[in-house]
């Protein structure tokens, strides 16, 4: 048998062997496995394609809806301006934008105007207050109120972090969501317990961007470094607070106005250190101790103390950090914090 004949014979044998393998149980199992893998790959590609398509559609719908909302708010704003320019007459005719929307006047318990509810045909609903401020009603805001960054109302407890005992709560900082707030009002209670303390370094600059804060009367102690380096411009220490701890407001270089209530008895070391914009501060009569370096770096500051110089002899040696001090009897002392 020559070489060519042997090659042909080997090819025939291999072909026959392959056919026998494919028709065997093992061959059928392999084919089924391959087909299954192919089908799964096809299904995966279809699923991925469907998910991508749905996401694209969803994002597109969201973008269109957001654009629509902005356009509607702008239309309401223009309508309100026309309403005001028209002498506050015919409000519904103005705010319904010539039939584009349905307008309902809201009234308070005394029957006075409390804004309007504006409903568009697409069921977008807006609340317009008596000052023309507009907010959208939705699932997250069912009453049509703007998310509060208003320190006159307590900021919801969910924006803060907490530590509790059986009888009281300490606010220790802000959640990631809370760190986006520039103005906060600390709640007076948490889970039914009074909030009595602001924890150490709770709102220092690396933990917040706050520029305005309201402290409730329930607070007794403002902890060490609680507002260190914050960009607040004023602070009222309310009745109830007894202790302003070490460096509590240190390096608040924009702080200009501080009101300290009569309940405060202790101001510890460096509490207002390096508050370089602070020009005057009133220390009430009930303060029994002020620590060293409390006003260091406050180069513009004049300190008004509602005590005689002799009555401050128990205070730390360098309590005034070399700042100008006006004692009781030298000038009239007043403190609007009360």
Protein backbone atom coordinates (compact mmCIF):
# COMPACT_ATOMS: atom_id res chain seq x y z
CA UNK A 1 0.00 0.00 0.00
CA UNK A 2 1.47 3.29 -1.02
CA UNK A 3 1.57 6.43 1.08
CA UNK A 4 -1.52 8.00 -0.55
CA UNK A 5 -3.61 4.91 0.01
CA UNK A 6 -2.54 4.73 3.68
CA UNK A 7 -3.51 8.42 4.14
CA UNK A 8 -6.94 7.87 2.63
CA UNK A 9 -7.48 4.82 4.78
CA UNK A 10 -6.50 6.75 7.95
CA UNK A 11 -8.89 9.58 7.01
CA UNK A 12 -11.71 7.09 6.48
CA UNK A 13 -10.96 5.42 9.81
CA UNK A 14 -10.85 8.80 11.64
CA UNK A 15 -14.08 9.90 9.96
CA UNK A 16 -15.74 6.67 10.90
CA UNK A 17 -14.46 6.97 14.46
CA UNK A 18 -15.81 10.56 14.71
CA UNK A 19 -19.22 9.44 13.45
CA UNK A 20 -19.25 6.61 15.92
CA UNK A 21 -18.31 9.01 18.76
CA UNK A 22 -20.98 11.56 17.81
CA UNK A 23 -23.63 8.87 17.70
CA UNK A 24 -22.47 7.40 21.00
CA UNK A 25 -23.96 8.43 24.37
CA UNK A 26 -20.90 10.53 25.23
CA UNK A 27 -21.03 12.33 21.91
CA UNK A 28 -24.72 13.12 22.25
CA UNK A 29 -24.11 14.48 25.78
CA UNK A 30 -21.32 16.74 24.51
CA UNK A 31 -23.46 18.06 21.68
CA UNK A 32 -26.30 18.76 24.10
CA UNK A 33 -23.91 20.58 26.42
CA UNK A 34 -22.56 22.74 23.60
CA UNK A 35 -26.09 23.57 22.41
CA UNK A 36 -27.11 24.43 25.97
CA UNK A 37 -24.14 26.78 26.35
CA UNK A 38 -24.98 28.45 23.03
CA UNK A 39 -28.63 28.87 24.04
CA UNK A 40 -27.63 30.31 27.43
CA UNK A 41 -25.25 32.76 25.77
CA UNK A 42 -27.98 33.86 23.39
CA UNK A 43 -30.44 34.29 26.28
CA UNK A 44 -27.84 36.25 28.27
CA UNK A 45 -27.22 38.56 25.32
CA UNK A 46 -30.95 39.06 24.87
CA UNK A 47 -31.38 39.80 28.61
CA UNK A 48 -28.49 42.27 28.65
CA UNK A 49 -29.85 43.95 25.55
CA UNK A 50 -33.31 44.19 27.14
CA UNK A 51 -31.94 45.61 30.41
CA UNK A 52 -29.84 48.18 28.55
CA UNK A 53 -32.84 49.14 26.47
CA UNK A 54 -35.03 49.53 29.56
CA UNK A 55 -32.38 51.64 31.30
CA UNK A 56 -32.00 53.86 28.26
CA UNK A 57 -35.77 54.29 28.04
CA UNK A 58 -36.00 54.95 31.79
CA UNK A 59 -33.23 57.58 31.70
CA UNK A 60 -34.80 59.18 28.67
CA UNK A 61 -38.22 59.29 30.32
CA UNK A 62 -36.68 60.74 33.48
CA UNK A 63 -34.88 63.42 31.49
CA UNK A 64 -38.05 64.32 29.60
CA UNK A 65 -40.08 64.35 32.82
CA UNK A 66 -37.51 66.54 34.57
CA UNK A 67 -37.51 68.92 31.63
CA UNK A 68 -41.31 69.02 31.79
CA UNK A 69 -41.23 69.74 35.52
CA UNK A 70 -38.79 72.61 35.07
CA UNK A 71 -40.90 74.05 32.25
CA UNK A 72 -44.05 73.82 34.39
CA UNK A 73 -42.36 75.47 37.36
CA UNK A 74 -41.15 78.27 35.12
CA UNK A 75 -44.66 78.74 33.75
CA UNK A 76 -46.10 78.91 37.29
CA UNK A 77 -43.41 81.39 38.31
CA UNK A 78 -44.21 83.66 35.38
CA UNK A 79 -47.94 83.35 36.08
CA UNK A 80 -47.39 84.28 39.74
CA UNK A 81 -45.37 87.34 38.71
CA UNK A 82 -48.22 88.41 36.45
CA UNK A 83 -50.64 87.80 39.32
CA UNK A 84 -48.59 90.06 41.62
CA UNK A 85 -48.20 92.74 38.95
CA UNK A 86 -51.95 92.65 38.43
CA UNK A 87 -52.45 93.75 42.01
CA UNK A 88 -53.10 90.24 43.37
CA UNK A 89 -56.43 90.12 41.56
CA UNK A 90 -57.93 87.26 39.60
CA UNK A 91 -55.37 84.82 40.99
CA UNK A 92 -56.95 81.69 39.57
CA UNK A 93 -57.14 83.12 36.07
CA UNK A 94 -53.46 83.95 36.27
CA UNK A 95 -52.22 80.77 37.93
CA UNK A 96 -54.20 78.40 35.73
CA UNK A 97 -52.33 79.87 32.76
CA UNK A 98 -55.38 80.28 30.53
CA UNK A 99 -56.67 76.80 31.17
CA UNK A 100 -53.34 74.97 31.15
CA UNK A 101 -53.80 73.92 34.77
CA UNK A 102 -56.41 73.54 37.49
CA UNK A 103 -55.92 75.80 40.50
CA UNK A 104 -57.25 75.31 44.04
CA UNK A 105 -56.81 77.95 46.70
CA UNK A 106 -55.53 76.66 50.04
CA UNK A 107 -56.67 78.25 53.29
CA UNK A 108 -55.51 77.99 56.88
CA UNK A 109 -57.71 77.26 59.89
CA UNK A 110 -58.77 80.93 60.06
CA UNK A 111 -59.80 80.99 56.41
CA UNK A 112 -56.83 83.06 55.26
CA UNK A 113 -54.99 82.36 52.03
CA UNK A 114 -52.29 79.73 52.47
CA UNK A 115 -51.16 79.36 48.86
CA UNK A 116 -52.49 77.39 45.92
CA UNK A 117 -52.36 73.88 44.52
CA UNK A 118 -51.71 73.79 40.77
CA UNK A 119 -52.51 70.57 38.87
CA UNK A 120 -51.53 70.00 35.24
CA UNK A 121 -53.33 67.55 32.87
CA UNK A 122 -50.35 65.16 33.13
CA UNK A 123 -51.12 64.97 36.89
CA UNK A 124 -48.01 66.91 37.90
CA UNK A 125 -49.04 68.77 41.05
CA UNK A 126 -47.35 71.81 42.60
CA UNK A 127 -47.82 73.84 45.74
CA UNK A 128 -47.39 77.63 45.49
CA UNK A 129 -47.18 79.42 48.83
CA UNK A 130 -48.38 82.95 49.43
CA UNK A 131 -44.88 84.27 48.67
CA UNK A 132 -44.70 82.53 45.32
CA UNK A 133 -42.35 79.72 46.38
CA UNK A 134 -43.00 76.61 44.31
CA UNK A 135 -42.55 72.98 45.32
CA UNK A 136 -43.51 69.75 43.59
CA UNK A 137 -45.82 67.23 45.21
CA UNK A 138 -44.53 63.68 44.81
CA UNK A 139 -44.15 60.42 46.74
CA UNK A 140 -41.20 61.78 48.69
CA UNK A 141 -42.89 65.10 49.32
CA UNK A 142 -46.64 64.34 49.56
CA UNK A 143 -47.52 67.60 51.24
CA UNK A 144 -45.78 69.71 48.64
CA UNK A 145 -43.28 71.10 51.12
CA UNK A 146 -39.72 71.78 50.10
CA UNK A 147 -37.20 69.53 51.91
CA UNK A 148 -36.39 71.61 54.94
CA UNK A 149 -32.99 73.23 55.26
CA UNK A 150 -34.64 75.79 57.51
CA UNK A 151 -33.20 76.05 61.01
CA UNK A 152 -36.54 77.37 62.33
CA UNK A 153 -37.86 73.82 62.01
CA UNK A 154 -36.09 70.83 63.51
CA UNK A 155 -34.05 68.93 60.96
CA UNK A 156 -35.34 65.32 60.86
CA UNK A 157 -33.46 62.96 63.16
CA UNK A 158 -32.60 60.67 60.22
CA UNK A 159 -29.97 63.18 59.08
CA UNK A 160 -27.99 62.79 62.33
CA UNK A 161 -26.03 60.03 64.02
CA UNK A 162 -26.77 59.21 67.65
CA UNK A 163 -25.69 57.59 70.87
CA UNK A 164 -28.27 56.86 73.55
CA UNK A 165 -28.56 55.77 77.15
CA UNK A 166 -31.69 54.67 78.96
CA UNK A 167 -32.62 58.28 79.69
CA UNK A 168 -31.01 60.62 77.14
CA UNK A 169 -29.47 60.99 73.69
CA UNK A 170 -26.28 62.51 72.30
CA UNK A 171 -26.07 63.80 68.75
CA UNK A 172 -22.70 62.61 67.41
CA UNK A 173 -22.68 63.89 63.85
CA UNK A 174 -24.40 63.77 60.48
CA UNK A 175 -25.23 60.90 58.16
CA UNK A 176 -23.88 60.99 54.61
CA UNK A 177 -27.20 62.49 53.54
CA UNK A 178 -27.08 65.01 56.39
CA UNK A 179 -23.61 66.17 55.38
CA UNK A 180 -25.17 67.79 52.33
CA UNK A 181 -27.10 70.24 54.55
CA UNK A 182 -25.72 73.73 55.06
CA UNK A 183 -28.24 74.71 57.76
CA UNK A 184 -29.40 72.46 60.57
CA UNK A 185 -31.62 72.59 63.61
CA UNK A 186 -30.70 69.88 66.09
CA UNK A 187 -33.75 67.93 67.32
CA UNK A 188 -34.63 68.30 71.01
CA UNK A 189 -35.67 64.65 71.32
CA UNK A 190 -34.65 61.35 69.74
CA UNK A 191 -36.73 58.20 70.11
CA UNK A 192 -38.59 59.85 72.96
CA UNK A 193 -35.40 60.76 74.86
CA UNK A 194 -34.17 64.32 75.41
CA UNK A 195 -31.09 65.29 73.40
CA UNK A 196 -28.79 66.64 76.11
CA UNK A 197 -25.34 66.64 74.56
CA UNK A 198 -23.55 67.49 71.32
CA UNK A 199 -20.79 64.92 70.99
CA UNK A 200 -17.07 65.51 70.52
CA UNK A 201 -16.21 66.86 67.05
CA UNK A 202 -19.78 66.11 65.95
CA UNK A 203 -20.00 68.89 63.36
CA UNK A 204 -16.39 69.88 62.80
CA UNK A 205 -15.59 70.96 59.25
CA UNK A 206 -14.49 67.52 58.01
CA UNK A 207 -17.89 66.14 59.06
CA UNK A 208 -20.15 68.89 57.70
CA UNK A 209 -20.56 71.99 55.54
CA UNK A 210 -22.93 73.77 57.90
CA UNK A 211 -23.07 77.54 57.91
CA UNK A 212 -25.99 77.91 60.31
CA UNK A 213 -27.05 75.83 63.30
CA UNK A 214 -29.82 76.03 65.87
CA UNK A 215 -29.20 74.40 69.24
CA UNK A 216 -32.29 73.32 71.24
CA UNK A 217 -32.89 74.19 74.90
CA UNK A 218 -32.56 70.50 75.78
CA UNK A 219 -28.79 70.58 75.24
CA UNK A 220 -26.71 70.78 78.42
CA UNK A 221 -23.17 70.20 77.12
CA UNK A 222 -21.57 71.27 73.85
CA UNK A 223 -18.77 68.74 73.51
CA UNK A 224 -15.10 69.20 72.76
CA UNK A 225 -14.45 70.45 69.23
CA UNK A 226 -18.15 70.08 68.40
CA UNK A 227 -18.12 72.85 65.78
CA UNK A 228 -14.37 73.08 65.20
CA UNK A 229 -13.53 75.02 62.01
CA UNK A 230 -17.16 75.32 60.89
CA UNK A 231 -18.20 78.20 58.64
CA UNK A 232 -20.98 79.43 60.89
CA UNK A 233 -21.32 83.22 61.22
CA UNK A 234 -23.42 83.31 64.38
CA UNK A 235 -24.44 81.06 67.24
CA UNK A 236 -26.95 81.30 70.07
CA UNK A 237 -26.12 79.23 73.13
CA UNK A 238 -29.64 78.72 74.52
CA UNK A 239 -30.92 78.48 78.07
CA UNK A 240 -30.27 74.94 79.20
CA UNK A 241 -26.63 74.73 78.15
CA UNK A 242 -24.30 74.66 81.16
CA UNK A 243 -20.94 73.77 79.59
CA UNK A 244 -19.13 74.85 76.44
CA UNK A 245 -16.30 72.36 76.27
CA UNK A 246 -12.71 72.52 75.05
CA UNK A 247 -12.27 74.08 71.58
CA UNK A 248 -16.01 73.73 70.91
CA UNK A 249 -16.01 76.62 68.42
CA UNK A 250 -12.29 76.91 67.77
CA UNK A 251 -11.15 78.06 64.33
CA UNK A 252 -14.64 79.21 63.29
CA UNK A 253 -13.02 82.09 61.47
CA UNK A 254 -16.30 83.50 60.08
CA UNK A 255 -18.03 83.58 63.47
CA UNK A 256 -19.06 87.17 64.24
CA UNK A 257 -21.94 86.96 66.69
CA UNK A 258 -22.15 84.81 69.82
CA UNK A 259 -24.96 84.98 72.38
CA UNK A 260 -24.42 83.07 75.62
CA UNK A 261 -27.40 82.42 77.88
CA UNK A 262 -27.51 82.82 81.65
CA UNK A 263 -27.55 79.05 82.16
CA UNK A 264 -23.90 78.67 81.07
CA UNK A 265 -21.54 78.17 84.02
CA UNK A 266 -18.39 76.74 82.41
CA UNK A 267 -16.42 77.65 79.29
CA UNK A 268 -13.41 75.39 78.95
CA UNK A 269 -9.98 75.98 77.39
CA UNK A 270 -9.84 77.30 73.84
CA UNK A 271 -13.61 77.22 73.38
CA UNK A 272 -13.54 80.20 71.00
CA UNK A 273 -9.87 80.09 70.04
CA UNK A 274 -8.92 81.58 66.66
CA UNK A 275 -12.41 82.96 65.94
CA UNK A 276 -10.71 85.79 64.11
CA UNK A 277 -13.89 87.59 63.02
CA UNK A 278 -15.34 87.80 66.53
CA UNK A 279 -15.40 91.42 67.71
CA UNK A 280 -17.36 91.29 70.96
CA UNK A 281 -18.81 88.74 73.34
CA UNK A 282 -20.86 89.02 76.55
CA UNK A 283 -20.18 86.64 79.44
CA UNK A 284 -23.18 86.40 81.78
CA UNK A 285 -23.11 86.61 85.55
CA UNK A 286 -23.60 82.90 86.27
CA UNK A 287 -20.34 81.82 84.66
CA UNK A 288 -18.09 80.38 87.36
CA UNK A 289 -15.12 79.29 85.24
CA UNK A 290 -13.43 80.24 81.96
CA UNK A 291 -10.42 78.18 80.86
CA UNK A 292 -7.01 79.12 79.50
CA UNK A 293 -6.72 80.43 75.96
CA UNK A 294 -10.48 80.60 75.54
CA UNK A 295 -10.15 83.61 73.22
CA UNK A 296 -6.63 83.16 71.87
CA UNK A 297 -6.28 84.37 68.28
CA UNK A 298 -9.39 86.57 68.54
CA UNK A 299 -7.43 89.71 67.80
CA UNK A 300 -10.45 92.02 67.23
CA UNK A 301 -12.31 90.92 70.33
CA UNK A 302 -13.60 92.95 73.25
CA UNK A 303 -14.97 90.83 76.12
CA UNK A 304 -17.82 92.17 78.24
CA UNK A 305 -18.10 90.40 81.61
CA UNK A 306 -21.13 90.77 83.86
CA UNK A 307 -18.90 90.41 86.92
CA UNK A 308 -16.33 92.52 88.65
CA UNK A 309 -12.66 91.75 88.07
CA UNK A 310 -12.43 90.33 91.59
CA UNK A 311 -15.28 87.93 90.86
CA UNK A 312 -13.30 86.40 88.00
CA UNK A 313 -10.25 85.64 90.12
CA UNK A 314 -11.08 81.92 90.16
CA UNK A 315 -10.99 81.77 86.38
CA UNK A 316 -7.89 80.44 84.59
CA UNK A 317 -4.86 82.71 84.61
CA UNK A 318 -4.93 83.31 80.82
CA UNK A 319 -8.70 83.10 80.33
CA UNK A 320 -8.91 86.32 78.30
CA UNK A 321 -5.83 85.56 76.17
CA UNK A 322 -4.74 89.18 76.40
CA UNK A 323 -7.95 90.54 74.86
CA UNK A 324 -9.56 93.76 76.04
CA UNK A 325 -11.98 93.14 78.93
CA UNK A 326 -14.79 95.39 80.15
CA UNK A 327 -15.92 94.34 83.63
CA UNK A 328 -19.20 94.97 85.41
CA UNK A 329 -19.37 98.57 86.52
CA UNK A 330 -17.04 99.78 83.78
CA UNK A 331 -19.86 99.79 81.18
CA UNK A 332 -23.42 98.55 81.00
CA UNK A 333 -23.55 94.84 80.32
CA UNK A 334 -26.34 93.32 78.19
CA UNK A 335 -26.85 89.91 76.69
CA UNK A 336 -29.77 89.28 74.34
CA UNK A 337 -29.45 85.52 74.77
CA UNK A 338 -31.01 85.90 78.22
